[in-house]
Amino acid sequence: MTVWIVVVVVGLVSIVFKAAGPVFVGKRTLPPRVESVVALIGPVMLTALVVTQTVGGDQQIVLDARLPGVAAAAVAVWRGAPVVVAMLVAAFVTGLLRLVS
């Protein structure tokens, strides 16, 4: 039961944080430096999540077939592929390496 209380509280706090920006800033424009930082928050958080899920293990770093898969997806995105195609490339490379090893 306490897990669900934590989940609800974290969800409510997230909603409050997301709503706080438009409420406090309103129609005012942010300084360019702040706008550039805000624009980077999403990609940085996504990158942190991908890296954590790729090499994170139980109290250790795990280097397995997922890392080349993520690298292949990064190259695909860098070359201009849509995100769905990059995900398929990552799955294919990871699966192929797991099949071979």
PDB file of N, CA and C in Angstrom:
ATOM      1  N   MET A   1       0.810  -1.199   0.000  1.00  0.00           N
ATOM      2  CA  MET A   1       0.000   0.000   0.000  1.00  0.00           C
ATOM      3  C   MET A   1       0.853   1.264   0.000  1.00  0.00           C
ATOM      4  N   THR A   2       1.973   1.241   0.715  1.00  0.00           N
ATOM      5  CA  THR A   2       2.807   2.441   0.765  1.00  0.00           C
ATOM      6  C   THR A   2       3.441   2.737  -0.586  1.00  0.00           C
ATOM      7  N   VAL A   3       3.645   1.719  -1.407  1.00  0.00           N
ATOM      8  CA  VAL A   3       4.198   1.947  -2.745  1.00  0.00           C
ATOM      9  C   VAL A   3       3.236   2.792  -3.564  1.00  0.00           C
ATOM     10  N   TRP A   4       1.956   2.508  -3.472  1.00  0.00           N
ATOM     11  CA  TRP A   4       0.972   3.257  -4.240  1.00  0.00           C
ATOM     12  C   TRP A   4       0.844   4.693  -3.736  1.00  0.00           C
ATOM     13  N   ILE A   5       1.034   4.883  -2.446  1.00  0.00           N
ATOM     14  CA  ILE A   5       1.020   6.251  -1.914  1.00  0.00           C
ATOM     15  C   ILE A   5       2.177   7.040  -2.508  1.00  0.00           C
ATOM     16  N   VAL A   6       3.353   6.412  -2.571  1.00  0.00           N
ATOM     17  CA  VAL A   6       4.523   7.074  -3.160  1.00  0.00           C
ATOM     18  C   VAL A   6       4.277   7.378  -4.634  1.00  0.00           C
ATOM     19  N   VAL A   7       3.700   6.445  -5.364  1.00  0.00           N
ATOM     20  CA  VAL A   7       3.424   6.650  -6.785  1.00  0.00           C
ATOM     21  C   VAL A   7       2.459   7.826  -6.978  1.00  0.00           C
ATOM     22  N   VAL A   8       1.427   7.888  -6.183  1.00  0.00           N
ATOM     23  CA  VAL A   8       0.449   8.978  -6.300  1.00  0.00           C
ATOM     24  C   VAL A   8       1.084  10.322  -5.946  1.00  0.00           C
ATOM     25  N   VAL A   9       1.878  10.345  -4.863  1.00  0.00           N
ATOM     26  CA  VAL A   9       2.520  11.597  -4.450  1.00  0.00           C
ATOM     27  C   VAL A   9       3.491  12.077  -5.523  1.00  0.00           C
ATOM     28  N   VAL A  10       4.303  11.181  -6.063  1.00  0.00           N
ATOM     29  CA  VAL A  10       5.255  11.570  -7.111  1.00  0.00           C
ATOM     30  C   VAL A  10       4.504  12.058  -8.345  1.00  0.00           C
ATOM     31  N   GLY A  11       3.420  11.411  -8.695  1.00  0.00           N
ATOM     32  CA  GLY A  11       2.617  11.857  -9.832  1.00  0.00           C
ATOM     33  C   GLY A  11       2.036  13.245  -9.615  1.00  0.00           C
ATOM     34  N   LEU A  12       1.519  13.494  -8.427  1.00  0.00           N
ATOM     35  CA  LEU A  12       0.953  14.816  -8.132  1.00  0.00           C
ATOM     36  C   LEU A  12       2.028  15.897  -8.129  1.00  0.00           C
ATOM     37  N   VAL A  13       3.186  15.598  -7.557  1.00  0.00           N
ATOM     38  CA  VAL A  13       4.285  16.570  -7.555  1.00  0.00           C
ATOM     39  C   VAL A  13       4.736  16.866  -8.983  1.00  0.00           C
ATOM     40  N   SER A  14       4.772  15.847  -9.838  1.00  0.00           N
ATOM     41  CA  SER A  14       5.144  16.054 -11.240  1.00  0.00           C
ATOM     42  C   SER A  14       4.148  16.973 -11.941  1.00  0.00           C
ATOM     43  N   ILE A  15       2.873  16.763 -11.679  1.00  0.00           N
ATOM     44  CA  ILE A  15       1.845  17.608 -12.284  1.00  0.00           C
ATOM     45  C   ILE A  15       1.988  19.049 -11.805  1.00  0.00           C
ATOM     46  N   VAL A  16       2.264  19.228 -10.512  1.00  0.00           N
ATOM     47  CA  VAL A  16       2.438  20.580  -9.975  1.00  0.00           C
ATOM     48  C   VAL A  16       3.633  21.260 -10.618  1.00  0.00           C
ATOM     49  N   PHE A  17       4.751  20.532 -10.753  1.00  0.00           N
ATOM     50  CA  PHE A  17       5.932  21.123 -11.383  1.00  0.00           C
ATOM     51  C   PHE A  17       5.662  21.503 -12.833  1.00  0.00           C
ATOM     52  N   LYS A  18       4.960  20.638 -13.566  1.00  0.00           N
ATOM     53  CA  LYS A  18       4.668  20.938 -14.967  1.00  0.00           C
ATOM     54  C   LYS A  18       3.730  22.143 -15.097  1.00  0.00           C
ATOM     55  N   ALA A  19       2.803  22.286 -14.163  1.00  0.00           N
ATOM     56  CA  ALA A  19       1.859  23.392 -14.222  1.00  0.00           C
ATOM     57  C   ALA A  19       2.472  24.687 -13.712  1.00  0.00           C
ATOM     58  N   ALA A  20       3.510  24.596 -12.892  1.00  0.00           N
ATOM     59  CA  ALA A  20       4.093  25.791 -12.280  1.00  0.00           C
ATOM     60  C   ALA A  20       4.710  26.722 -13.320  1.00  0.00           C
ATOM     61  N   GLY A  21       5.334  26.178 -14.339  1.00  0.00           N
ATOM     62  CA  GLY A  21       5.972  27.011 -15.360  1.00  0.00           C
ATOM     63  C   GLY A  21       5.010  27.972 -16.022  1.00  0.00           C
ATOM     64  N   PRO A  22       3.956  27.477 -16.659  1.00  0.00           N
ATOM     65  CA  PRO A  22       3.004  28.398 -17.304  1.00  0.00           C
ATOM     66  C   PRO A  22       2.313  29.335 -16.318  1.00  0.00           C
ATOM     67  N   VAL A  23       2.074  28.870 -15.098  1.00  0.00           N
ATOM     68  CA  VAL A  23       1.386  29.721 -14.117  1.00  0.00           C
ATOM     69  C   VAL A  23       2.281  30.881 -13.699  1.00  0.00           C
ATOM     70  N   PHE A  24       3.531  30.599 -13.403  1.00  0.00           N
ATOM     71  CA  PHE A  24       4.424  31.648 -12.913  1.00  0.00           C
ATOM     72  C   PHE A  24       4.976  32.527 -14.035  1.00  0.00           C
ATOM     73  N   VAL A  25       5.252  31.942 -15.179  1.00  0.00           N
ATOM     74  CA  VAL A  25       5.834  32.721 -16.268  1.00  0.00           C
ATOM     75  C   VAL A  25       4.751  33.443 -17.056  1.00  0.00           C
ATOM     76  N   GLY A  26       3.621  32.787 -17.253  1.00  0.00           N
ATOM     77  CA  GLY A  26       2.520  33.410 -17.986  1.00  0.00           C
ATOM     78  C   GLY A  26       2.915  33.748 -19.406  1.00  0.00           C
ATOM     79  N   LYS A  27       2.629  34.960 -19.819  1.00  0.00           N
ATOM     80  CA  LYS A  27       2.939  35.370 -21.189  1.00  0.00           C
ATOM     81  C   LYS A  27       4.284  36.070 -21.305  1.00  0.00           C
ATOM     82  N   ARG A  28       5.023  36.117 -20.205  1.00  0.00           N
ATOM     83  CA  ARG A  28       6.353  36.721 -20.255  1.00  0.00           C
ATOM     84  C   ARG A  28       7.317  35.800 -20.985  1.00  0.00           C
ATOM     85  N   THR A  29       8.272  36.387 -21.638  1.00  0.00           N
ATOM     86  CA  THR A  29       9.292  35.585 -22.305  1.00  0.00           C
ATOM     87  C   THR A  29      10.474  35.390 -21.365  1.00  0.00           C
ATOM     88  N   LEU A  30      11.081  34.250 -21.487  1.00  0.00           N
ATOM     89  CA  LEU A  30      12.250  33.945 -20.674  1.00  0.00           C
ATOM     90  C   LEU A  30      13.495  34.531 -21.325  1.00  0.00           C
ATOM     91  N   PRO A  31      14.510  34.809 -20.525  1.00  0.00           N
ATOM     92  CA  PRO A  31      15.777  35.248 -21.114  1.00  0.00           C
ATOM     93  C   PRO A  31      16.337  34.154 -22.035  1.00  0.00           C
ATOM     94  N   PRO A  32      17.059  34.533 -23.089  1.00  0.00           N
ATOM     95  CA  PRO A  32      17.560  33.536 -24.049  1.00  0.00           C
ATOM     96  C   PRO A  32      18.400  32.442 -23.396  1.00  0.00           C
ATOM     97  N   ARG A  33      19.202  32.788 -22.405  1.00  0.00           N
ATOM     98  CA  ARG A  33      20.035  31.782 -21.740  1.00  0.00           C
ATOM     99  C   ARG A  33      19.164  30.742 -21.023  1.00  0.00           C
ATOM    100  N   VAL A  34      18.112  31.182 -20.356  1.00  0.00           N
ATOM    101  CA  VAL A  34      17.209  30.259 -19.663  1.00  0.00           C
ATOM    102  C   VAL A  34      16.456  29.407 -20.673  1.00  0.00           C
ATOM    103  N   GLU A  35      16.026  30.000 -21.781  1.00  0.00           N
ATOM    104  CA  GLU A  35      15.329  29.231 -22.815  1.00  0.00           C
ATOM    105  C   GLU A  35      16.215  28.124 -23.378  1.00  0.00           C
ATOM    106  N   SER A  36      17.504  28.420 -23.559  1.00  0.00           N
ATOM    107  CA  SER A  36      18.404  27.393 -24.088  1.00  0.00           C
ATOM    108  C   SER A  36      18.584  26.252 -23.108  1.00  0.00           C
ATOM    109  N   VAL A  37      18.606  26.556 -21.813  1.00  0.00           N
ATOM    110  CA  VAL A  37      18.716  25.502 -20.801  1.00  0.00           C
ATOM    111  C   VAL A  37      17.435  24.668 -20.758  1.00  0.00           C
ATOM    112  N   VAL A  38      16.295  25.319 -20.788  1.00  0.00           N
ATOM    113  CA  VAL A  38      15.014  24.612 -20.761  1.00  0.00           C
ATOM    114  C   VAL A  38      14.869  23.714 -21.986  1.00  0.00           C
ATOM    115  N   ALA A  39      15.344  24.178 -23.126  1.00  0.00           N
ATOM    116  CA  ALA A  39      15.250  23.371 -24.351  1.00  0.00           C
ATOM    117  C   ALA A  39      16.091  22.105 -24.273  1.00  0.00           C
ATOM    118  N   LEU A  40      17.133  22.111 -23.462  1.00  0.00           N
ATOM    119  CA  LEU A  40      18.008  20.944 -23.346  1.00  0.00           C
ATOM    120  C   LEU A  40      17.571  19.943 -22.280  1.00  0.00           C
ATOM    121  N   ILE A  41      16.641  20.306 -21.436  1.00  0.00           N
ATOM    122  CA  ILE A  41      16.256  19.428 -20.332  1.00  0.00           C
ATOM    123  C   ILE A  41      15.691  18.099 -20.840  1.00  0.00           C
ATOM    124  N   GLY A  42      14.804  18.138 -21.814  1.00  0.00           N
ATOM    125  CA  GLY A  42      14.196  16.906 -22.337  1.00  0.00           C
ATOM    126  C   GLY A  42      15.219  15.943 -22.933  1.00  0.00           C
ATOM    127  N   PRO A  43      16.044  16.393 -23.890  1.00  0.00           N
ATOM    128  CA  PRO A  43      17.035  15.478 -24.459  1.00  0.00           C
ATOM    129  C   PRO A  43      18.043  14.949 -23.437  1.00  0.00           C
ATOM    130  N   VAL A  44      18.427  15.779 -22.483  1.00  0.00           N
ATOM    131  CA  VAL A  44      19.384  15.325 -21.469  1.00  0.00           C
ATOM    132  C   VAL A  44      18.759  14.259 -20.578  1.00  0.00           C
ATOM    133  N   MET A  45      17.518  14.459 -20.175  1.00  0.00           N
ATOM    134  CA  MET A  45      16.844  13.456 -19.341  1.00  0.00           C
ATOM    135  C   MET A  45      16.650  12.145 -20.108  1.00  0.00           C
ATOM    136  N   LEU A  46      16.300  12.234 -21.389  1.00  0.00           N
ATOM    137  CA  LEU A  46      16.144  11.030 -22.197  1.00  0.00           C
ATOM    138  C   LEU A  46      17.479  10.302 -22.346  1.00  0.00           C
ATOM    139  N   THR A  47      18.553  11.052 -22.574  1.00  0.00           N
ATOM    140  CA  THR A  47      19.877  10.447 -22.690  1.00  0.00           C
ATOM    141  C   THR A  47      20.270   9.758 -21.393  1.00  0.00           C
ATOM    142  N   ALA A  48      20.025  10.400 -20.273  1.00  0.00           N
ATOM    143  CA  ALA A  48      20.343   9.793 -18.978  1.00  0.00           C
ATOM    144  C   ALA A  48      19.560   8.508 -18.773  1.00  0.00           C
ATOM    145  N   LEU A  49      18.308   8.485 -19.165  1.00  0.00           N
ATOM    146  CA  LEU A  49      17.491   7.279 -19.032  1.00  0.00           C
ATOM    147  C   LEU A  49      18.018   6.154 -19.916  1.00  0.00           C
ATOM    148  N   VAL A  50      18.354   6.482 -21.161  1.00  0.00           N
ATOM    149  CA  VAL A  50      18.862   5.459 -22.084  1.00  0.00           C
ATOM    150  C   VAL A  50      20.186   4.890 -21.586  1.00  0.00           C
ATOM    151  N   VAL A  51      21.095   5.746 -21.144  1.00  0.00           N
ATOM    152  CA  VAL A  51      22.395   5.264 -20.662  1.00  0.00           C
ATOM    153  C   VAL A  51      22.217   4.407 -19.418  1.00  0.00           C
ATOM    154  N   THR A  52      21.371   4.849 -18.496  1.00  0.00           N
ATOM    155  CA  THR A  52      21.141   4.077 -17.276  1.00  0.00           C
ATOM    156  C   THR A  52      20.559   2.706 -17.589  1.00  0.00           C
ATOM    157  N   GLN A  53      19.599   2.655 -18.494  1.00  0.00           N
ATOM    158  CA  GLN A  53      18.986   1.381 -18.835  1.00  0.00           C
ATOM    159  C   GLN A  53      19.899   0.495 -19.683  1.00  0.00           C
ATOM    160  N   THR A  54      20.844   1.105 -20.387  1.00  0.00           N
ATOM    161  CA  THR A  54      21.731   0.341 -21.259  1.00  0.00           C
ATOM    162  C   THR A  54      22.872  -0.295 -20.498  1.00  0.00           C
ATOM    163  N   VAL A  55      23.557   0.457 -19.659  1.00  0.00           N
ATOM    164  CA  VAL A  55      24.754  -0.081 -18.990  1.00  0.00           C
ATOM    165  C   VAL A  55      24.575  -0.265 -17.495  1.00  0.00           C
ATOM    166  N   GLY A  56      23.435   0.109 -16.953  1.00  0.00           N
ATOM    167  CA  GLY A  56      23.232  -0.022 -15.518  1.00  0.00           C
ATOM    168  C   GLY A  56      22.805  -1.421 -15.140  1.00  0.00           C
ATOM    169  N   GLY A  57      23.417  -1.917 -14.099  1.00  0.00           N
ATOM    170  CA  GLY A  57      23.047  -3.221 -13.562  1.00  0.00           C
ATOM    171  C   GLY A  57      22.848  -3.096 -12.066  1.00  0.00           C
ATOM    172  N   ASP A  58      22.831  -4.211 -11.386  1.00  0.00           N
ATOM    173  CA  ASP A  58      22.714  -4.200  -9.932  1.00  0.00           C
ATOM    174  C   ASP A  58      24.064  -3.858  -9.324  1.00  0.00           C
ATOM    175  N   GLN A  59      24.254  -2.589  -9.023  1.00  0.00           N
ATOM    176  CA  GLN A  59      25.475  -2.097  -8.385  1.00  0.00           C
ATOM    177  C   GLN A  59      26.724  -2.301  -9.237  1.00  0.00           C
ATOM    178  N   GLN A  60      26.570  -2.428 -10.539  1.00  0.00           N
ATOM    179  CA  GLN A  60      27.725  -2.586 -11.426  1.00  0.00           C
ATOM    180  C   GLN A  60      27.365  -2.132 -12.830  1.00  0.00           C
ATOM    181  N   ILE A  61      28.390  -1.901 -13.633  1.00  0.00           N
ATOM    182  CA  ILE A  61      28.184  -1.534 -15.031  1.00  0.00           C
ATOM    183  C   ILE A  61      28.175  -2.815 -15.856  1.00  0.00           C
ATOM    184  N   VAL A  62      27.171  -2.935 -16.716  1.00  0.00           N
ATOM    185  CA  VAL A  62      27.024  -4.134 -17.540  1.00  0.00           C
ATOM    186  C   VAL A  62      27.235  -3.738 -19.000  1.00  0.00           C
ATOM    187  N   LEU A  63      28.225  -4.341 -19.627  1.00  0.00           N
ATOM    188  CA  LEU A  63      28.480  -4.099 -21.053  1.00  0.00           C
ATOM    189  C   LEU A  63      28.105  -5.362 -21.812  1.00  0.00           C
ATOM    190  N   ASP A  64      26.982  -5.310 -22.502  1.00  0.00           N
ATOM    191  CA  ASP A  64      26.526  -6.457 -23.269  1.00  0.00           C
ATOM    192  C   ASP A  64      26.046  -5.994 -24.642  1.00  0.00           C
ATOM    193  N   ALA A  65      25.190  -6.757 -25.267  1.00  0.00           N
ATOM    194  CA  ALA A  65      24.757  -6.475 -26.637  1.00  0.00           C
ATOM    195  C   ALA A  65      23.902  -5.216 -26.753  1.00  0.00           C
ATOM    196  N   ARG A  66      23.397  -4.707 -25.642  1.00  0.00           N
ATOM    197  CA  ARG A  66      22.566  -3.502 -25.701  1.00  0.00           C
ATOM    198  C   ARG A  66      23.373  -2.275 -26.118  1.00  0.00           C
ATOM    199  N   LEU A  67      24.628  -2.207 -25.686  1.00  0.00           N
ATOM    200  CA  LEU A  67      25.445  -1.023 -25.967  1.00  0.00           C
ATOM    201  C   LEU A  67      25.688  -0.830 -27.467  1.00  0.00           C
ATOM    202  N   PRO A  68      26.103  -1.859 -28.214  1.00  0.00           N
ATOM    203  CA  PRO A  68      26.214  -1.667 -29.670  1.00  0.00           C
ATOM    204  C   PRO A  68      24.869  -1.356 -30.335  1.00  0.00           C
ATOM    205  N   GLY A  69      23.783  -1.883 -29.781  1.00  0.00           N
ATOM    206  CA  GLY A  69      22.461  -1.573 -30.328  1.00  0.00           C
ATOM    207  C   GLY A  69      22.116  -0.110 -30.178  1.00  0.00           C
ATOM    208  N   VAL A  70      22.399   0.439 -28.997  1.00  0.00           N
ATOM    209  CA  VAL A  70      22.151   1.863 -28.773  1.00  0.00           C
ATOM    210  C   VAL A  70      23.074   2.708 -29.643  1.00  0.00           C
ATOM    211  N   ALA A  71      24.316   2.270 -29.794  1.00  0.00           N
ATOM    212  CA  ALA A  71      25.255   3.003 -30.650  1.00  0.00           C
ATOM    213  C   ALA A  71      24.767   3.008 -32.102  1.00  0.00           C
ATOM    214  N   ALA A  72      24.250   1.880 -32.567  1.00  0.00           N
ATOM    215  CA  ALA A  72      23.724   1.807 -33.932  1.00  0.00           C
ATOM    216  C   ALA A  72      22.515   2.723 -34.093  1.00  0.00           C
ATOM    217  N   ALA A  73      21.666   2.782 -33.076  1.00  0.00           N
ATOM    218  CA  ALA A  73      20.513   3.683 -33.126  1.00  0.00           C
ATOM    219  C   ALA A  73      20.969   5.139 -33.147  1.00  0.00           C
ATOM    220  N   ALA A  74      22.000   5.459 -32.376  1.00  0.00           N
ATOM    221  CA  ALA A  74      22.520   6.833 -32.367  1.00  0.00           C
ATOM    222  C   ALA A  74      23.053   7.222 -33.741  1.00  0.00           C
ATOM    223  N   VAL A  75      23.733   6.295 -34.392  1.00  0.00           N
ATOM    224  CA  VAL A  75      24.237   6.570 -35.741  1.00  0.00           C
ATOM    225  C   VAL A  75      23.068   6.757 -36.711  1.00  0.00           C
ATOM    226  N   ALA A  76      22.035   5.939 -36.556  1.00  0.00           N
ATOM    227  CA  ALA A  76      20.872   6.061 -37.437  1.00  0.00           C
ATOM    228  C   ALA A  76      20.196   7.422 -37.261  1.00  0.00           C
ATOM    229  N   VAL A  77      20.048   7.876 -36.019  1.00  0.00           N
ATOM    230  CA  VAL A  77      19.445   9.186 -35.775  1.00  0.00           C
ATOM    231  C   VAL A  77      20.341  10.287 -36.318  1.00  0.00           C
ATOM    232  N   TRP A  78      21.638  10.143 -36.098  1.00  0.00           N
ATOM    233  CA  TRP A  78      22.600  11.126 -36.601  1.00  0.00           C
ATOM    234  C   TRP A  78      22.528  11.240 -38.127  1.00  0.00           C
ATOM    235  N   ARG A  79      22.278  10.114 -38.799  1.00  0.00           N
ATOM    236  CA  ARG A  79      22.181  10.108 -40.265  1.00  0.00           C
ATOM    237  C   ARG A  79      20.809  10.576 -40.751  1.00  0.00           C
ATOM    238  N   GLY A  80      19.891  10.885 -39.831  1.00  0.00           N
ATOM    239  CA  GLY A  80      18.604  11.449 -40.221  1.00  0.00           C
ATOM    240  C   GLY A  80      17.442  10.473 -40.242  1.00  0.00           C
ATOM    241  N   ALA A  81      17.631   9.287 -39.707  1.00  0.00           N
ATOM    242  CA  ALA A  81      16.547   8.303 -39.685  1.00  0.00           C
ATOM    243  C   ALA A  81      15.500   8.704 -38.646  1.00  0.00           C
ATOM    244  N   PRO A  82      14.245   8.381 -38.897  1.00  0.00           N
ATOM    245  CA  PRO A  82      13.204   8.629 -37.890  1.00  0.00           C
ATOM    246  C   PRO A  82      13.464   7.787 -36.640  1.00  0.00           C
ATOM    247  N   VAL A  83      12.876   8.187 -35.536  1.00  0.00           N
ATOM    248  CA  VAL A  83      13.100   7.500 -34.261  1.00  0.00           C
ATOM    249  C   VAL A  83      12.644   6.043 -34.329  1.00  0.00           C
ATOM    250  N   VAL A  84      11.540   5.783 -35.003  1.00  0.00           N
ATOM    251  CA  VAL A  84      11.043   4.401 -35.100  1.00  0.00           C
ATOM    252  C   VAL A  84      12.052   3.526 -35.842  1.00  0.00           C
ATOM    253  N   VAL A  85      12.638   4.047 -36.895  1.00  0.00           N
ATOM    254  CA  VAL A  85      13.650   3.296 -37.641  1.00  0.00           C
ATOM    255  C   VAL A  85      14.870   3.069 -36.760  1.00  0.00           C
ATOM    256  N   ALA A  86      15.273   4.077 -35.997  1.00  0.00           N
ATOM    257  CA  ALA A  86      16.417   3.924 -35.092  1.00  0.00           C
ATOM    258  C   ALA A  86      16.145   2.859 -34.048  1.00  0.00           C
ATOM    259  N   MET A  87      14.916   2.799 -33.546  1.00  0.00           N
ATOM    260  CA  MET A  87      14.564   1.758 -32.573  1.00  0.00           C
ATOM    261  C   MET A  87      14.638   0.371 -33.208  1.00  0.00           C
ATOM    262  N   LEU A  88      14.185   0.256 -34.441  1.00  0.00           N
ATOM    263  CA  LEU A  88      14.264  -1.028 -35.133  1.00  0.00           C
ATOM    264  C   LEU A  88      15.715  -1.430 -35.391  1.00  0.00           C
ATOM    265  N   VAL A  89      16.553  -0.470 -35.738  1.00  0.00           N
ATOM    266  CA  VAL A  89      17.982  -0.741 -35.932  1.00  0.00           C
ATOM    267  C   VAL A  89      18.595  -1.227 -34.634  1.00  0.00           C
ATOM    268  N   ALA A  90      18.281  -0.562 -33.530  1.00  0.00           N
ATOM    269  CA  ALA A  90      18.819  -0.968 -32.222  1.00  0.00           C
ATOM    270  C   ALA A  90      18.371  -2.380 -31.868  1.00  0.00           C
ATOM    271  N   ALA A  91      17.103  -2.679 -32.089  1.00  0.00           N
ATOM    272  CA  ALA A  91      16.590  -4.017 -31.779  1.00  0.00           C
ATOM    273  C   ALA A  91      17.248  -5.066 -32.663  1.00  0.00           C
ATOM    274  N   PHE A  92      17.427  -4.754 -33.940  1.00  0.00           N
ATOM    275  CA  PHE A  92      18.043  -5.703 -34.862  1.00  0.00           C
ATOM    276  C   PHE A  92      19.496  -5.990 -34.479  1.00  0.00           C
ATOM    277  N   VAL A  93      20.270  -4.931 -34.219  1.00  0.00           N
ATOM    278  CA  VAL A  93      21.681  -5.106 -33.870  1.00  0.00           C
ATOM    279  C   VAL A  93      21.812  -5.861 -32.553  1.00  0.00           C
ATOM    280  N   THR A  94      21.006  -5.485 -31.567  1.00  0.00           N
ATOM    281  CA  THR A  94      21.067  -6.173 -30.272  1.00  0.00           C
ATOM    282  C   THR A  94      20.681  -7.641 -30.420  1.00  0.00           C
ATOM    283  N   GLY A  95      19.613  -7.902 -31.141  1.00  0.00           N
ATOM    284  CA  GLY A  95      19.190  -9.287 -31.350  1.00  0.00           C
ATOM    285  C   GLY A  95      20.216 -10.100 -32.107  1.00  0.00           C
ATOM    286  N   LEU A  96      20.806  -9.505 -33.114  1.00  0.00           N
ATOM    287  CA  LEU A  96      21.827 -10.208 -33.904  1.00  0.00           C
ATOM    288  C   LEU A  96      23.045 -10.548 -33.038  1.00  0.00           C
ATOM    289  N   LEU A  97      23.488  -9.607 -32.241  1.00  0.00           N
ATOM    290  CA  LEU A  97      24.631  -9.858 -31.376  1.00  0.00           C
ATOM    291  C   LEU A  97      24.315 -10.898 -30.305  1.00  0.00           C
ATOM    292  N   ARG A  98      23.112 -10.901 -29.792  1.00  0.00           N
ATOM    293  CA  ARG A  98      22.728 -11.928 -28.815  1.00  0.00           C
ATOM    294  C   ARG A  98      22.625 -13.298 -29.464  1.00  0.00           C
ATOM    295  N   LEU A  99      22.212 -13.326 -30.722  1.00  0.00           N
ATOM    296  CA  LEU A  99      22.128 -14.593 -31.439  1.00  0.00           C
ATOM    297  C   LEU A  99      23.523 -15.159 -31.703  1.00  0.00           C
ATOM    298  N   VAL A 100      24.443 -14.294 -32.071  1.00  0.00           N
ATOM    299  CA  VAL A 100      25.821 -14.728 -32.408  1.00  0.00           C
ATOM    300  C   VAL A 100      26.585 -15.156 -31.144  1.00  0.00           C
ATOM    301  N   SER A 101      26.400 -14.439 -30.057  1.00  0.00           N
ATOM    302  CA  SER A 101      27.181 -14.769 -28.861  1.00  0.00           C
ATOM    303  C   SER A 101      26.536 -15.778 -27.962  1.00  0.00           C
TER     304      SER A 101
END
